[in-house]
PDB file of N, CA and C in Angstrom:
ATOM      1  N   MET A   1      24.381 118.098   1.629  1.00  0.00           N
ATOM      2  CA  MET A   1      23.990 118.540   0.304  1.00  0.00           C
ATOM      3  C   MET A   1      22.582 118.074   0.012  1.00  0.00           C
ATOM      4  N   HIS A   2      21.902 118.856  -0.813  1.00  0.00           N
ATOM      5  CA  HIS A   2      20.586 118.449  -1.275  1.00  0.00           C
ATOM      6  C   HIS A   2      20.462 118.815  -2.750  1.00  0.00           C
ATOM      7  N   LEU A   3      19.317 118.600  -3.339  1.00  0.00           N
ATOM      8  CA  LEU A   3      19.134 118.756  -4.777  1.00  0.00           C
ATOM      9  C   LEU A   3      19.345 120.173  -5.285  1.00  0.00           C
ATOM     10  N   GLN A   4      19.230 121.171  -4.438  1.00  0.00           N
ATOM     11  CA  GLN A   4      19.382 122.551  -4.861  1.00  0.00           C
ATOM     12  C   GLN A   4      20.783 123.100  -4.584  1.00  0.00           C
ATOM     13  N   GLN A   5      21.752 122.224  -4.423  1.00  0.00           N
ATOM     14  CA  GLN A   5      23.127 122.643  -4.171  1.00  0.00           C
ATOM     15  C   GLN A   5      24.053 121.997  -5.195  1.00  0.00           C
ATOM     16  N   ILE A   6      25.143 122.698  -5.492  1.00  0.00           N
ATOM     17  CA  ILE A   6      26.142 122.158  -6.408  1.00  0.00           C
ATOM     18  C   ILE A   6      27.497 122.113  -5.716  1.00  0.00           C
ATOM     19  N   LEU A   7      28.320 121.196  -6.154  1.00  0.00           N
ATOM     20  CA  LEU A   7      29.662 121.015  -5.623  1.00  0.00           C
ATOM     21  C   LEU A   7      30.643 121.662  -6.590  1.00  0.00           C
ATOM     22  N   VAL A   8      31.541 122.505  -6.067  1.00  0.00           N
ATOM     23  CA  VAL A   8      32.528 123.202  -6.884  1.00  0.00           C
ATOM     24  C   VAL A   8      33.909 122.863  -6.349  1.00  0.00           C
ATOM     25  N   LEU A   9      34.797 122.416  -7.248  1.00  0.00           N
ATOM     26  CA  LEU A   9      36.189 122.155  -6.883  1.00  0.00           C
ATOM     27  C   LEU A   9      37.052 123.265  -7.444  1.00  0.00           C
ATOM     28  N   THR A  10      37.846 123.888  -6.582  1.00  0.00           N
ATOM     29  CA  THR A  10      38.823 124.885  -7.000  1.00  0.00           C
ATOM     30  C   THR A  10      40.195 124.283  -6.714  1.00  0.00           C
ATOM     31  N   PRO A  11      41.286 124.926  -7.115  1.00  0.00           N
ATOM     32  CA  PRO A  11      42.606 124.338  -6.840  1.00  0.00           C
ATOM     33  C   PRO A  11      42.874 124.053  -5.359  1.00  0.00           C
ATOM     34  N   ASN A  12      42.254 124.823  -4.453  1.00  0.00           N
ATOM     35  CA  ASN A  12      42.552 124.666  -3.025  1.00  0.00           C
ATOM     36  C   ASN A  12      41.355 124.388  -2.135  1.00  0.00           C
ATOM     37  N   SER A  13      40.172 124.235  -2.713  1.00  0.00           N
ATOM     38  CA  SER A  13      39.010 124.026  -1.847  1.00  0.00           C
ATOM     39  C   SER A  13      37.906 123.234  -2.542  1.00  0.00           C
ATOM     40  N   LEU A  14      37.045 122.719  -1.715  1.00  0.00           N
ATOM     41  CA  LEU A  14      35.812 122.068  -2.144  1.00  0.00           C
ATOM     42  C   LEU A  14      34.699 122.930  -1.572  1.00  0.00           C
ATOM     43  N   GLN A  15      33.778 123.369  -2.426  1.00  0.00           N
ATOM     44  CA  GLN A  15      32.746 124.306  -1.985  1.00  0.00           C
ATOM     45  C   GLN A  15      31.361 123.787  -2.342  1.00  0.00           C
ATOM     46  N   VAL A  16      30.399 124.140  -1.513  1.00  0.00           N
ATOM     47  CA  VAL A  16      28.995 123.836  -1.787  1.00  0.00           C
ATOM     48  C   VAL A  16      28.280 125.173  -1.938  1.00  0.00           C
ATOM     49  N   HIS A  17      27.588 125.321  -3.066  1.00  0.00           N
ATOM     50  CA  HIS A  17      26.846 126.550  -3.353  1.00  0.00           C
ATOM     51  C   HIS A  17      25.367 126.230  -3.490  1.00  0.00           C
ATOM     52  N   ASP A  18      24.527 127.122  -2.998  1.00  0.00           N
ATOM     53  CA  ASP A  18      23.082 126.969  -3.143  1.00  0.00           C
ATOM     54  C   ASP A  18      22.671 127.575  -4.482  1.00  0.00           C
ATOM     55  N   VAL A  19      21.938 126.813  -5.279  1.00  0.00           N
ATOM     56  CA  VAL A  19      21.531 127.254  -6.611  1.00  0.00           C
ATOM     57  C   VAL A  19      20.511 128.387  -6.530  1.00  0.00           C
ATOM     58  N   ASN A  20      19.553 128.292  -5.626  1.00  0.00           N
ATOM     59  CA  ASN A  20      18.498 129.305  -5.528  1.00  0.00           C
ATOM     60  C   ASN A  20      19.010 130.648  -5.025  1.00  0.00           C
ATOM     61  N   THR A  21      19.792 130.637  -3.970  1.00  0.00           N
ATOM     62  CA  THR A  21      20.280 131.893  -3.393  1.00  0.00           C
ATOM     63  C   THR A  21      21.594 132.363  -4.013  1.00  0.00           C
ATOM     64  N   LYS A  22      22.248 131.475  -4.760  1.00  0.00           N
ATOM     65  CA  LYS A  22      23.539 131.771  -5.391  1.00  0.00           C
ATOM     66  C   LYS A  22      24.592 132.162  -4.365  1.00  0.00           C
ATOM     67  N   LYS A  23      24.526 131.545  -3.190  1.00  0.00           N
ATOM     68  CA  LYS A  23      25.471 131.848  -2.122  1.00  0.00           C
ATOM     69  C   LYS A  23      26.266 130.605  -1.748  1.00  0.00           C
ATOM     70  N   LEU A  24      27.458 130.867  -1.219  1.00  0.00           N
ATOM     71  CA  LEU A  24      28.311 129.808  -0.712  1.00  0.00           C
ATOM     72  C   LEU A  24      27.707 129.257   0.573  1.00  0.00           C
ATOM     73  N   VAL A  25      27.521 127.950   0.640  1.00  0.00           N
ATOM     74  CA  VAL A  25      26.963 127.315   1.828  1.00  0.00           C
ATOM     75  C   VAL A  25      28.086 126.888   2.768  1.00  0.00           C
ATOM     76  N   GLU A  26      29.115 126.256   2.184  1.00  0.00           N
ATOM     77  CA  GLU A  26      30.221 125.783   3.004  1.00  0.00           C
ATOM     78  C   GLU A  26      31.455 125.601   2.141  1.00  0.00           C
ATOM     79  N   ARG A  27      32.636 125.740   2.771  1.00  0.00           N
ATOM     80  CA  ARG A  27      33.914 125.572   2.084  1.00  0.00           C
ATOM     81  C   ARG A  27      34.844 124.753   2.968  1.00  0.00           C
ATOM     82  N   SER A  28      35.588 123.864   2.338  1.00  0.00           N
ATOM     83  CA  SER A  28      36.561 123.057   3.060  1.00  0.00           C
ATOM     84  C   SER A  28      37.857 123.030   2.258  1.00  0.00           C
ATOM     85  N   HIS A  29      39.004 123.104   2.958  1.00  0.00           N
ATOM     86  CA  HIS A  29      40.284 123.003   2.271  1.00  0.00           C
ATOM     87  C   HIS A  29      40.374 121.638   1.598  1.00  0.00           C
ATOM     88  N   PHE A  30      40.773 121.621   0.335  1.00  0.00           N
ATOM     89  CA  PHE A  30      40.865 120.377  -0.417  1.00  0.00           C
ATOM     90  C   PHE A  30      41.860 120.577  -1.549  1.00  0.00           C
ATOM     91  N   SER A  31      42.811 119.690  -1.688  1.00  0.00           N
ATOM     92  CA  SER A  31      43.794 119.773  -2.755  1.00  0.00           C
ATOM     93  C   SER A  31      43.293 118.993  -3.962  1.00  0.00           C
ATOM     94  N   VAL A  32      42.963 119.701  -5.029  1.00  0.00           N
ATOM     95  CA  VAL A  32      42.474 119.051  -6.241  1.00  0.00           C
ATOM     96  C   VAL A  32      43.550 118.144  -6.840  1.00  0.00           C
ATOM     97  N   GLN A  33      44.806 118.437  -6.570  1.00  0.00           N
ATOM     98  CA  GLN A  33      45.886 117.600  -7.093  1.00  0.00           C
ATOM     99  C   GLN A  33      45.814 116.173  -6.561  1.00  0.00           C
ATOM    100  N   SER A  34      45.127 115.974  -5.446  1.00  0.00           N
ATOM    101  CA  SER A  34      44.991 114.614  -4.914  1.00  0.00           C
ATOM    102  C   SER A  34      44.110 113.746  -5.807  1.00  0.00           C
ATOM    103  N   LEU A  35      43.413 114.358  -6.763  1.00  0.00           N
ATOM    104  CA  LEU A  35      42.604 113.604  -7.718  1.00  0.00           C
ATOM    105  C   LEU A  35      43.375 113.285  -8.996  1.00  0.00           C
ATOM    106  N   MET A  36      44.533 113.912  -9.171  1.00  0.00           N
ATOM    107  CA  MET A  36      45.310 113.762 -10.403  1.00  0.00           C
ATOM    108  C   MET A  36      46.257 112.570 -10.333  1.00  0.00           C
ATOM    109  N   SER A  37      46.662 112.112 -11.499  1.00  0.00           N
ATOM    110  CA  SER A  37      47.617 111.017 -11.590  1.00  0.00           C
ATOM    111  C   SER A  37      48.974 111.467 -11.054  1.00  0.00           C
ATOM    112  N   PRO A  38      49.601 110.662 -10.176  1.00  0.00           N
ATOM    113  CA  PRO A  38      50.920 111.036  -9.661  1.00  0.00           C
ATOM    114  C   PRO A  38      52.018 110.888 -10.718  1.00  0.00           C
ATOM    115  N   THR A  39      51.725 110.205 -11.816  1.00  0.00           N
ATOM    116  CA  THR A  39      52.730 109.993 -12.856  1.00  0.00           C
ATOM    117  C   THR A  39      52.546 110.918 -14.061  1.00  0.00           C
ATOM    118  N   LEU A  40      51.588 111.838 -14.011  1.00  0.00           N
ATOM    119  CA  LEU A  40      51.307 112.705 -15.157  1.00  0.00           C
ATOM    120  C   LEU A  40      52.512 113.552 -15.558  1.00  0.00           C
ATOM    121  N   ALA A  41      53.258 114.062 -14.601  1.00  0.00           N
ATOM    122  CA  ALA A  41      54.433 114.891 -14.908  1.00  0.00           C
ATOM    123  C   ALA A  41      55.513 114.084 -15.624  1.00  0.00           C
ATOM    124  N   GLN A  42      55.554 112.791 -15.410  1.00  0.00           N
ATOM    125  CA  GLN A  42      56.572 111.937 -16.037  1.00  0.00           C
ATOM    126  C   GLN A  42      56.290 111.685 -17.515  1.00  0.00           C
ATOM    127  N   THR A  43      55.100 112.052 -17.986  1.00  0.00           N
ATOM    128  CA  THR A  43      54.783 111.859 -19.404  1.00  0.00           C
ATOM    129  C   THR A  43      55.524 112.873 -20.281  1.00  0.00           C
ATOM    130  N   ILE A  44      55.923 114.002 -19.706  1.00  0.00           N
ATOM    131  CA  ILE A  44      56.633 115.031 -20.474  1.00  0.00           C
ATOM    132  C   ILE A  44      57.995 114.518 -20.916  1.00  0.00           C
ATOM    133  N   SER A  45      58.692 113.856 -20.008  1.00  0.00           N
ATOM    134  CA  SER A  45      60.031 113.345 -20.326  1.00  0.00           C
ATOM    135  C   SER A  45      59.979 112.002 -21.045  1.00  0.00           C
ATOM    136  N   GLY A  46      58.805 111.420 -21.131  1.00  0.00           N
ATOM    137  CA  GLY A  46      58.678 110.117 -21.784  1.00  0.00           C
ATOM    138  C   GLY A  46      58.888 108.952 -20.839  1.00  0.00           C
ATOM    139  N   GLY A  47      59.055 109.234 -19.557  1.00  0.00           N
ATOM    140  CA  GLY A  47      59.257 108.170 -18.579  1.00  0.00           C
ATOM    141  C   GLY A  47      58.049 107.255 -18.438  1.00  0.00           C
ATOM    142  N   VAL A  48      56.877 107.815 -18.670  1.00  0.00           N
ATOM    143  CA  VAL A  48      55.624 107.059 -18.604  1.00  0.00           C
ATOM    144  C   VAL A  48      54.777 107.453 -19.805  1.00  0.00           C
ATOM    145  N   ALA A  49      54.161 106.473 -20.432  1.00  0.00           N
ATOM    146  CA  ALA A  49      53.294 106.767 -21.573  1.00  0.00           C
ATOM    147  C   ALA A  49      52.042 107.497 -21.093  1.00  0.00           C
ATOM    148  N   TYR A  50      51.612 108.497 -21.856  1.00  0.00           N
ATOM    149  CA  TYR A  50      50.428 109.281 -21.469  1.00  0.00           C
ATOM    150  C   TYR A  50      49.214 108.369 -21.316  1.00  0.00           C
ATOM    151  N   GLY A  51      49.049 107.423 -22.206  1.00  0.00           N
ATOM    152  CA  GLY A  51      47.916 106.504 -22.137  1.00  0.00           C
ATOM    153  C   GLY A  51      47.869 105.715 -20.845  1.00  0.00           C
ATOM    154  N   ASP A  52      49.033 105.378 -20.302  1.00  0.00           N
ATOM    155  CA  ASP A  52      49.091 104.669 -19.019  1.00  0.00           C
ATOM    156  C   ASP A  52      48.827 105.610 -17.860  1.00  0.00           C
ATOM    157  N   SER A  53      49.394 106.819 -17.936  1.00  0.00           N
ATOM    158  CA  SER A  53      49.267 107.780 -16.845  1.00  0.00           C
ATOM    159  C   SER A  53      47.843 108.273 -16.685  1.00  0.00           C
ATOM    160  N   VAL A  54      47.161 108.508 -17.794  1.00  0.00           N
ATOM    161  CA  VAL A  54      45.825 109.084 -17.726  1.00  0.00           C
ATOM    162  C   VAL A  54      44.828 108.102 -17.094  1.00  0.00           C
ATOM    163  N   LEU A  55      45.146 106.827 -17.115  1.00  0.00           N
ATOM    164  CA  LEU A  55      44.280 105.832 -16.474  1.00  0.00           C
ATOM    165  C   LEU A  55      44.489 105.778 -14.962  1.00  0.00           C
ATOM    166  N   ASP A  56      45.559 106.413 -14.490  1.00  0.00           N
ATOM    167  CA  ASP A  56      45.928 106.380 -13.077  1.00  0.00           C
ATOM    168  C   ASP A  56      45.367 107.604 -12.347  1.00  0.00           C
ATOM    169  N   VAL A  57      44.062 107.802 -12.435  1.00  0.00           N
ATOM    170  CA  VAL A  57      43.424 108.980 -11.860  1.00  0.00           C
ATOM    171  C   VAL A  57      42.348 108.549 -10.873  1.00  0.00           C
ATOM    172  N   ALA A  58      42.328 109.193  -9.711  1.00  0.00           N
ATOM    173  CA  ALA A  58      41.267 108.947  -8.723  1.00  0.00           C
ATOM    174  C   ALA A  58      40.286 110.107  -8.843  1.00  0.00           C
ATOM    175  N   HIS A  59      39.083 109.838  -9.202  1.00  0.00           N
ATOM    176  CA  HIS A  59      38.139 110.924  -9.407  1.00  0.00           C
ATOM    177  C   HIS A  59      36.742 110.585  -8.918  1.00  0.00           C
ATOM    178  N   SER A  60      36.671 109.749  -7.916  1.00  0.00           N
ATOM    179  CA  SER A  60      35.363 109.387  -7.378  1.00  0.00           C
ATOM    180  C   SER A  60      34.959 110.354  -6.268  1.00  0.00           C
ATOM    181  N   ILE A  61      33.898 111.081  -6.524  1.00  0.00           N
ATOM    182  CA  ILE A  61      33.313 111.973  -5.528  1.00  0.00           C
ATOM    183  C   ILE A  61      31.833 111.647  -5.500  1.00  0.00           C
ATOM    184  N   TRP A  62      31.296 111.370  -4.316  1.00  0.00           N
ATOM    185  CA  TRP A  62      29.884 111.040  -4.232  1.00  0.00           C
ATOM    186  C   TRP A  62      29.271 111.594  -2.963  1.00  0.00           C
ATOM    187  N   VAL A  63      27.951 111.685  -2.974  1.00  0.00           N
ATOM    188  CA  VAL A  63      27.193 112.203  -1.837  1.00  0.00           C
ATOM    189  C   VAL A  63      26.283 111.096  -1.332  1.00  0.00           C
ATOM    190  N   TYR A  64      26.287 110.919  -0.009  1.00  0.00           N
ATOM    191  CA  TYR A  64      25.419 109.929   0.611  1.00  0.00           C
ATOM    192  C   TYR A  64      24.880 110.511   1.911  1.00  0.00           C
ATOM    193  N   LYS A  65      23.580 110.605   2.009  1.00  0.00           N
ATOM    194  CA  LYS A  65      22.920 111.143   3.205  1.00  0.00           C
ATOM    195  C   LYS A  65      23.530 112.481   3.634  1.00  0.00           C
ATOM    196  N   THR A  66      23.609 113.400   2.714  1.00  0.00           N
ATOM    197  CA  THR A  66      24.103 114.774   2.883  1.00  0.00           C
ATOM    198  C   THR A  66      25.602 114.883   3.175  1.00  0.00           C
ATOM    199  N   LYS A  67      26.333 113.794   3.111  1.00  0.00           N
ATOM    200  CA  LYS A  67      27.784 113.829   3.326  1.00  0.00           C
ATOM    201  C   LYS A  67      28.487 113.684   1.982  1.00  0.00           C
ATOM    202  N   ILE A  68      29.621 114.375   1.798  1.00  0.00           N
ATOM    203  CA  ILE A  68      30.413 114.297   0.583  1.00  0.00           C
ATOM    204  C   ILE A  68      31.634 113.433   0.859  1.00  0.00           C
ATOM    205  N   PHE A  69      31.889 112.485  -0.043  1.00  0.00           N
ATOM    206  CA  PHE A  69      33.039 111.599   0.083  1.00  0.00           C
ATOM    207  C   PHE A  69      33.874 111.705  -1.187  1.00  0.00           C
ATOM    208  N   ALA A  70      35.196 111.680  -1.037  1.00  0.00           N
ATOM    209  CA  ALA A  70      36.082 111.756  -2.199  1.00  0.00           C
ATOM    210  C   ALA A  70      37.163 110.688  -2.086  1.00  0.00           C
ATOM    211  N   LEU A  71      37.378 109.969  -3.176  1.00  0.00           N
ATOM    212  CA  LEU A  71      38.466 109.014  -3.262  1.00  0.00           C
ATOM    213  C   LEU A  71      39.674 109.770  -3.781  1.00  0.00           C
ATOM    214  N   VAL A  72      40.734 109.843  -2.986  1.00  0.00           N
ATOM    215  CA  VAL A  72      41.905 110.629  -3.359  1.00  0.00           C
ATOM    216  C   VAL A  72      43.150 109.758  -3.340  1.00  0.00           C
ATOM    217  N   ARG A  73      44.254 110.301  -3.823  1.00  0.00           N
ATOM    218  CA  ARG A  73      45.510 109.576  -3.962  1.00  0.00           C
ATOM    219  C   ARG A  73      46.367 109.559  -2.708  1.00  0.00           C
ATOM    220  N   THR A  74      46.180 110.476  -1.793  1.00  0.00           N
ATOM    221  CA  THR A  74      47.093 110.598  -0.663  1.00  0.00           C
ATOM    222  C   THR A  74      46.337 110.645   0.652  1.00  0.00           C
ATOM    223  N   LEU A  75      46.969 110.170   1.702  1.00  0.00           N
ATOM    224  CA  LEU A  75      46.345 110.205   3.020  1.00  0.00           C
ATOM    225  C   LEU A  75      46.619 111.525   3.734  1.00  0.00           C
ATOM    226  N   SER A  76      47.383 112.426   3.108  1.00  0.00           N
ATOM    227  CA  SER A  76      47.714 113.695   3.747  1.00  0.00           C
ATOM    228  C   SER A  76      46.577 114.720   3.620  1.00  0.00           C
ATOM    229  N   VAL A  77      45.554 114.399   2.841  1.00  0.00           N
ATOM    230  CA  VAL A  77      44.404 115.302   2.716  1.00  0.00           C
ATOM    231  C   VAL A  77      43.580 115.201   3.989  1.00  0.00           C
ATOM    232  N   PRO A  78      43.263 116.324   4.643  1.00  0.00           N
ATOM    233  CA  PRO A  78      42.492 116.245   5.881  1.00  0.00           C
ATOM    234  C   PRO A  78      41.092 115.677   5.644  1.00  0.00           C
ATOM    235  N   ASN A  79      40.581 114.971   6.640  1.00  0.00           N
ATOM    236  CA  ASN A  79      39.219 114.456   6.558  1.00  0.00           C
ATOM    237  C   ASN A  79      38.242 115.602   6.596  1.00  0.00           C
ATOM    238  N   PHE A  80      37.173 115.494   5.844  1.00  0.00           N
ATOM    239  CA  PHE A  80      36.166 116.549   5.832  1.00  0.00           C
ATOM    240  C   PHE A  80      34.815 115.936   5.552  1.00  0.00           C
ATOM    241  N   TYR A  81      33.795 116.637   5.949  1.00  0.00           N
ATOM    242  CA  TYR A  81      32.428 116.282   5.570  1.00  0.00           C
ATOM    243  C   TYR A  81      31.538 117.487   5.800  1.00  0.00           C
ATOM    244  N   PHE A  82      30.450 117.516   5.087  1.00  0.00           N
ATOM    245  CA  PHE A  82      29.468 118.585   5.235  1.00  0.00           C
ATOM    246  C   PHE A  82      28.202 117.972   5.797  1.00  0.00           C
ATOM    247  N   SER A  83      27.522 118.685   6.647  1.00  0.00           N
ATOM    248  CA  SER A  83      26.259 118.179   7.169  1.00  0.00           C
ATOM    249  C   SER A  83      25.122 119.081   6.768  1.00  0.00           C
TER     250      SER A  83
END
């Protein structure tokens, strides 16, 4: 990634788009649910307080030397990187 690219998360993928050309540069399978709290569904039944569940979210995504890294909740997400 560089300064003229943006990162887009969809329900099933992580995408890099070029701002100038408005084209998709690269796409990788990625489950956005891996960023969500695993206890969020339990707030509906009252099993977990919403205030507690909402703090249980992994949402760290960063870029270092053109590589994208994501902190996720599960190890079942395949490893990926963009060059």
